[in-house]
Protein backbone atom coordinates (compact mmCIF):
# COMPACT_ATOMS: atom_id res chain seq x y z
CA MET A 1 -5.09 -22.76 -10.43
CA CYS A 2 -2.21 -20.79 -11.72
CA LEU A 3 -3.25 -16.97 -11.92
CA GLU A 4 -1.16 -14.25 -14.60
CA THR A 5 -1.54 -11.29 -16.14
CA PHE A 6 1.32 -9.64 -18.13
CA ASP A 7 0.02 -6.78 -19.28
CA ASP A 8 -0.71 -3.26 -17.43
CA ARG A 9 -2.68 -4.99 -14.76
CA LYS A 10 0.45 -6.62 -13.48
CA ARG A 11 2.36 -4.02 -11.70
CA PHE A 12 -1.25 -2.26 -10.42
CA LEU A 13 -1.77 -6.33 -8.80
CA GLN A 14 1.74 -6.37 -7.68
CA GLY A 15 0.95 -2.68 -5.91
CA LEU A 16 -1.48 -4.07 -4.23
CA ILE A 17 0.16 -7.09 -3.12
CA LYS A 18 2.84 -5.00 -1.38
CA ALA A 19 0.42 -2.49 0.03
CA ALA A 20 -1.24 -5.59 1.70
CA VAL A 21 1.78 -7.14 2.61
CA ALA A 22 3.08 -3.71 4.25
CA LEU A 23 0.22 -3.11 6.34
CA HIS A 24 0.74 -6.82 7.56
CA HIS A 25 4.22 -5.96 8.59
CA TYR A 26 3.00 -2.73 10.37
CA SER A 27 0.11 -4.63 12.19
CA ARG A 28 2.82 -6.84 13.38
CA ASP A 29 5.13 -4.58 14.62
CA ASN A 30 7.83 -4.78 11.59
CA LEU A 31 8.61 -1.53 11.02
CA SER A 32 11.47 -1.79 8.80
CA GLY A 33 9.65 -4.08 6.37
CA ALA A 34 6.17 -2.02 6.61
CA ARG A 35 8.47 1.03 5.27
CA THR A 36 10.01 -0.78 2.63
CA LEU A 37 6.72 -2.34 1.11
CA TYR A 38 5.16 0.74 1.24
CA GLN A 39 7.84 2.24 -0.45
CA GLY A 40 7.50 -0.31 -3.38
CA MET A 41 3.69 0.19 -3.60
CA VAL A 42 3.62 3.61 -3.97
CA VAL A 43 6.23 3.70 -6.87
CA LEU A 44 4.56 0.51 -8.60
CA LEU A 45 0.72 2.38 -7.65
CA GLU A 46 1.51 6.47 -8.78
CA PRO A 47 1.47 5.44 -12.33
CA TYR A 48 -2.24 4.40 -12.95
CA SER A 49 -3.52 7.22 -11.05
CA PRO A 50 -5.83 8.83 -11.16
CA GLU A 51 -8.24 5.74 -11.21
CA PHE A 52 -7.53 2.13 -12.69
CA LEU A 53 -9.87 -1.21 -13.06
CA GLY A 54 -12.33 0.89 -10.77
CA LEU A 55 -10.06 1.73 -7.75
CA ASP A 56 -9.46 5.88 -6.71
CA VAL A 57 -5.67 5.06 -6.62
CA VAL A 58 -5.37 8.19 -5.76
CA ASN A 59 -7.74 8.33 -2.59
CA PHE A 60 -6.23 4.84 -2.16
CA LEU A 61 -2.44 6.23 -1.78
CA ARG A 62 -3.82 9.22 -0.12
CA ARG A 63 -5.28 7.05 2.66
CA MET A 64 -1.97 4.34 2.87
CA LYS A 65 -0.32 8.07 3.27
CA GLY A 66 -2.15 8.53 6.03
CA CYS A 67 -2.09 5.70 7.62
CA PHE A 68 1.70 5.49 7.28
CA HIS A 69 2.63 9.09 8.49
CA PRO A 70 3.89 8.06 12.00
CA LEU A 71 6.43 5.69 10.34
CA LEU A 72 7.40 7.82 7.45
CA GLY A 73 10.57 9.55 7.76
CA THR A 74 10.99 8.38 11.36
CA ALA A 75 14.08 5.56 11.34
CA ASP A 76 13.79 4.01 14.63
CA LYS A 77 10.69 5.22 16.12
CA ALA A 78 8.44 2.62 17.36
CA SER A 79 4.85 3.53 16.04
CA ARG A 80 2.17 1.28 16.42
CA MET A 81 -0.57 1.28 13.16
CA ASN A 82 -3.85 2.57 14.51
CA PRO A 83 -6.83 0.09 12.70
CA ALA A 84 -8.61 2.93 12.25
CA THR A 85 -6.57 4.72 9.64
CA VAL A 86 -6.71 1.13 7.29
CA PRO A 87 -8.03 1.79 3.97
CA LYS A 88 -10.83 0.12 2.82
CA LEU A 89 -10.66 -1.05 -0.91
CA ARG A 90 -13.40 -0.08 -2.89
CA ILE A 91 -13.23 -1.17 -6.35
CA SER A 92 -16.45 0.26 -8.39
């Protein structure tokens, strides 16, 4: 099965995928990869604020920022991900 979309959902879905992969890299202590994917996710999802396809994008980005806060702006600082800060997707 092949799923494709070329409308305004494409970049939104790419942003969600980058969020998931950023979290995976963070959980595996690939801090550079996690940081890069996080930044790309923000660029892709911000235009969909405040809400898109039932997702509160503003809240999701706020929670992702909270999760990645220990990593942002610290080029070499080793920081483990706190699982309690990982956002859960709630789509209404």
